[in-house]
Amino acid sequence: MNKKIFFLVFALIIVIVVVILTKKENTAFIENNEFLYDKAIDYIVKQIKLESHDKDKEDYQVFTDYEGFGIEEKDNKKVAYMWILQESYYIENNELQISEGSSMAYKFIFENNEVIDYEIPEDGSYYTSSIKNMFPDSIENKIMSFEMDNTKLKEKVKKHYSYIELPN
């Protein structure tokens, strides 16, 4: 009888350990840190401008819009979860040309309120698993089904390039 009790207690302990190790912790988002979203945007725009093969073309500009999903504090760092839509344009022969663009989820890591690193999801068959690894349970489903509306971004482009005739 002692062996059966020992076996049951051992099995129960194993089950509890597995549940604890596989369960993600609840995310407690912090307030009054929304300025970090703007810092993340500035960081990405600077990177795009540095790396773009069109950066020296006439009136090259990067336009962005974003959706913030939350900011949390972890190990003396802050982590911002967001979706960024970005497009860059330039003028050639008095016509607007699109340079580059993307619309994707980002995870930014901040230390002393400065970006120190960021992650984007992997492509293809690893996309879903990378989203699950990057984002807390509370927002991963939002990320998986999120579609960014480009209306604000298009208005920014239209306003900036109002000096030329733009196609509808």
Protein backbone atom coordinates (compact mmCIF):
# COMPACT_ATOMS: atom_id res chain seq x y z
CA MET A 1 0.00 0.00 0.00
CA ASN A 2 2.86 2.41 0.74
CA LYS A 3 4.20 1.93 -2.79
CA LYS A 4 0.82 2.91 -4.27
CA ILE A 5 0.62 6.07 -2.15
CA PHE A 6 4.22 6.92 -2.97
CA PHE A 7 3.53 6.41 -6.68
CA LEU A 8 0.37 8.59 -6.56
CA VAL A 9 2.14 11.40 -4.66
CA PHE A 10 5.10 11.22 -7.07
CA ALA A 11 2.80 11.32 -10.12
CA LEU A 12 0.87 14.26 -8.66
CA ILE A 13 4.10 16.17 -8.04
CA ILE A 14 5.22 15.52 -11.62
CA VAL A 15 1.88 16.80 -12.98
CA ILE A 16 2.06 19.95 -10.83
CA VAL A 17 5.65 20.68 -11.93
CA VAL A 18 4.75 20.22 -15.62
CA VAL A 19 1.74 22.55 -15.28
CA ILE A 20 3.83 25.21 -13.53
CA LEU A 21 6.63 25.03 -16.10
CA THR A 22 4.36 25.18 -19.14
CA LYS A 23 2.01 27.88 -17.91
CA LYS A 24 2.84 31.43 -18.96
CA GLU A 25 2.60 33.99 -16.22
CA ASN A 26 -0.23 36.52 -16.26
CA THR A 27 0.80 39.79 -17.81
CA ALA A 28 0.44 42.95 -15.75
CA PHE A 29 0.64 45.85 -18.17
CA ILE A 30 1.94 49.12 -16.76
CA GLU A 31 0.36 52.55 -17.22
CA ASN A 32 1.84 55.93 -18.16
CA ASN A 33 4.59 54.54 -20.38
CA GLU A 34 2.92 55.07 -23.75
CA PHE A 35 5.80 57.41 -24.72
CA LEU A 36 7.81 54.21 -25.26
CA TYR A 37 5.69 53.45 -28.34
CA ASP A 38 6.94 56.71 -29.88
CA LYS A 39 10.51 55.84 -28.96
CA ALA A 40 10.08 52.46 -30.67
CA ILE A 41 8.73 54.16 -33.80
CA ASP A 42 11.66 56.61 -33.84
CA TYR A 43 14.08 53.70 -33.49
CA ILE A 44 12.55 51.80 -36.42
CA VAL A 45 12.36 54.89 -38.64
CA LYS A 46 16.04 55.68 -38.00
CA GLN A 47 16.96 52.10 -38.84
CA ILE A 48 14.91 52.14 -42.05
CA LYS A 49 16.48 55.43 -43.12
CA LEU A 50 19.97 54.10 -42.48
CA GLU A 51 19.43 50.86 -44.40
CA SER A 52 17.24 52.01 -47.30
CA HIS A 53 18.73 51.89 -50.78
CA ASP A 54 16.46 54.86 -51.67
CA LYS A 55 17.41 57.14 -48.74
CA ASP A 56 19.29 59.60 -50.95
CA LYS A 57 16.49 60.03 -53.46
CA GLU A 58 14.44 63.23 -53.70
CA ASP A 59 12.16 63.86 -50.71
CA TYR A 60 12.62 60.37 -49.27
CA GLN A 61 10.29 59.97 -46.29
CA VAL A 62 9.23 57.17 -43.93
CA PHE A 63 5.63 57.19 -42.72
CA THR A 64 4.29 55.08 -39.86
CA ASP A 65 1.22 54.21 -37.91
CA TYR A 66 1.00 51.79 -35.02
CA GLU A 67 -1.22 50.00 -32.56
CA GLY A 68 0.07 49.49 -29.02
CA PHE A 69 -0.97 46.29 -27.29
CA GLY A 70 0.60 46.89 -23.91
CA ILE A 71 3.81 47.54 -22.01
CA GLU A 72 5.07 45.42 -19.15
CA GLU A 73 7.99 45.54 -16.78
CA LYS A 74 10.29 42.51 -16.55
CA ASP A 75 13.65 42.21 -14.81
CA ASN A 76 14.29 45.99 -14.65
CA LYS A 77 13.42 46.29 -18.33
CA LYS A 78 10.26 47.38 -20.08
CA VAL A 79 8.76 45.44 -22.96
CA ALA A 80 6.40 47.09 -25.46
CA TYR A 81 4.17 44.98 -27.70
CA MET A 82 2.95 46.68 -30.84
CA TRP A 83 2.01 46.46 -34.48
CA ILE A 84 3.78 48.84 -36.86
CA LEU A 85 2.72 49.78 -40.36
CA GLN A 86 5.45 51.60 -42.25
CA GLU A 87 5.91 52.75 -45.83
CA SER A 88 8.63 54.86 -47.38
CA TYR A 89 8.35 57.01 -50.49
CA TYR A 90 10.40 59.32 -52.66
CA ILE A 91 9.91 61.53 -55.70
CA GLU A 92 11.25 60.63 -59.15
CA ASN A 93 10.41 62.64 -62.27
CA ASN A 94 7.83 64.57 -60.25
CA GLU A 95 5.97 61.32 -59.44
CA LEU A 96 5.54 59.57 -56.11
CA GLN A 97 7.38 56.25 -55.87
CA ILE A 98 6.98 53.71 -53.09
CA SER A 99 10.28 52.49 -51.71
CA GLU A 100 9.56 49.91 -49.04
CA GLY A 101 6.90 48.94 -46.57
CA SER A 102 5.83 46.44 -43.98
CA SER A 103 3.05 45.72 -41.53
CA MET A 104 4.00 43.46 -38.66
CA ALA A 105 4.10 42.76 -34.96
CA TYR A 106 7.05 43.92 -32.86
CA LYS A 107 8.33 43.29 -29.37
CA PHE A 108 10.63 46.08 -28.12
CA ILE A 109 12.88 45.77 -25.09
CA PHE A 110 13.80 48.97 -23.25
CA GLU A 111 16.40 49.67 -20.60
CA ASN A 112 16.38 53.12 -18.99
CA ASN A 113 13.57 53.96 -21.43
CA GLU A 114 15.81 53.42 -24.48
CA VAL A 115 15.42 50.65 -27.05
CA ILE A 116 18.08 47.99 -26.57
CA ASP A 117 16.58 45.27 -28.75
CA TYR A 118 13.51 44.20 -30.67
CA GLU A 119 11.99 41.06 -32.17
CA ILE A 120 9.75 40.40 -35.13
CA PRO A 121 7.98 37.14 -35.93
CA GLU A 122 9.62 34.54 -38.11
CA ASP A 123 8.33 33.95 -41.62
CA GLY A 124 6.42 31.04 -43.04
CA SER A 125 5.64 27.96 -41.03
CA TYR A 126 7.37 29.37 -37.93
CA TYR A 127 5.18 32.51 -37.80
CA THR A 128 2.54 31.17 -35.40
CA SER A 129 5.02 29.57 -32.98
CA SER A 130 7.18 32.72 -32.94
CA ILE A 131 4.09 34.85 -32.13
CA LYS A 132 3.27 32.47 -29.25
CA ASN A 133 6.85 32.78 -27.95
CA MET A 134 7.09 36.56 -28.35
CA PHE A 135 3.77 37.72 -26.90
CA PRO A 136 1.89 37.12 -23.66
CA ASP A 137 -1.19 34.86 -23.84
CA SER A 138 -3.44 37.85 -23.22
CA ILE A 139 -2.53 39.46 -26.57
CA GLU A 140 -1.27 36.68 -28.83
CA ASN A 141 -4.75 36.05 -30.29
CA LYS A 142 -5.16 39.77 -31.03
CA ILE A 143 -1.81 39.74 -32.82
CA MET A 144 -2.70 36.64 -34.84
CA SER A 145 -5.88 38.21 -36.21
CA PHE A 146 -4.83 41.87 -36.31
CA GLU A 147 -5.14 43.92 -39.49
CA MET A 148 -3.79 47.46 -39.46
CA ASP A 149 -5.96 50.10 -41.09
CA ASN A 150 -3.78 52.20 -43.42
CA THR A 151 -6.08 55.26 -43.57
CA LYS A 152 -3.99 57.43 -41.20
CA LEU A 153 -0.76 56.54 -42.94
CA LYS A 154 -2.19 57.32 -46.38
CA GLU A 155 -3.41 60.70 -45.07
CA LYS A 156 0.10 61.51 -43.80
CA VAL A 157 1.55 60.64 -47.22
CA LYS A 158 -1.08 62.69 -49.02
CA LYS A 159 -0.46 65.71 -46.77
CA HIS A 160 3.33 65.58 -47.08
CA TYR A 161 3.34 65.17 -50.86
CA SER A 162 0.50 67.60 -51.49
CA TYR A 163 2.83 69.64 -53.71
CA ILE A 164 2.49 67.04 -56.49
CA GLU A 165 -0.50 65.41 -58.07
CA LEU A 166 -1.01 62.02 -56.47
CA PRO A 167 -2.86 59.10 -58.03
CA ASN A 168 -6.15 58.23 -56.33
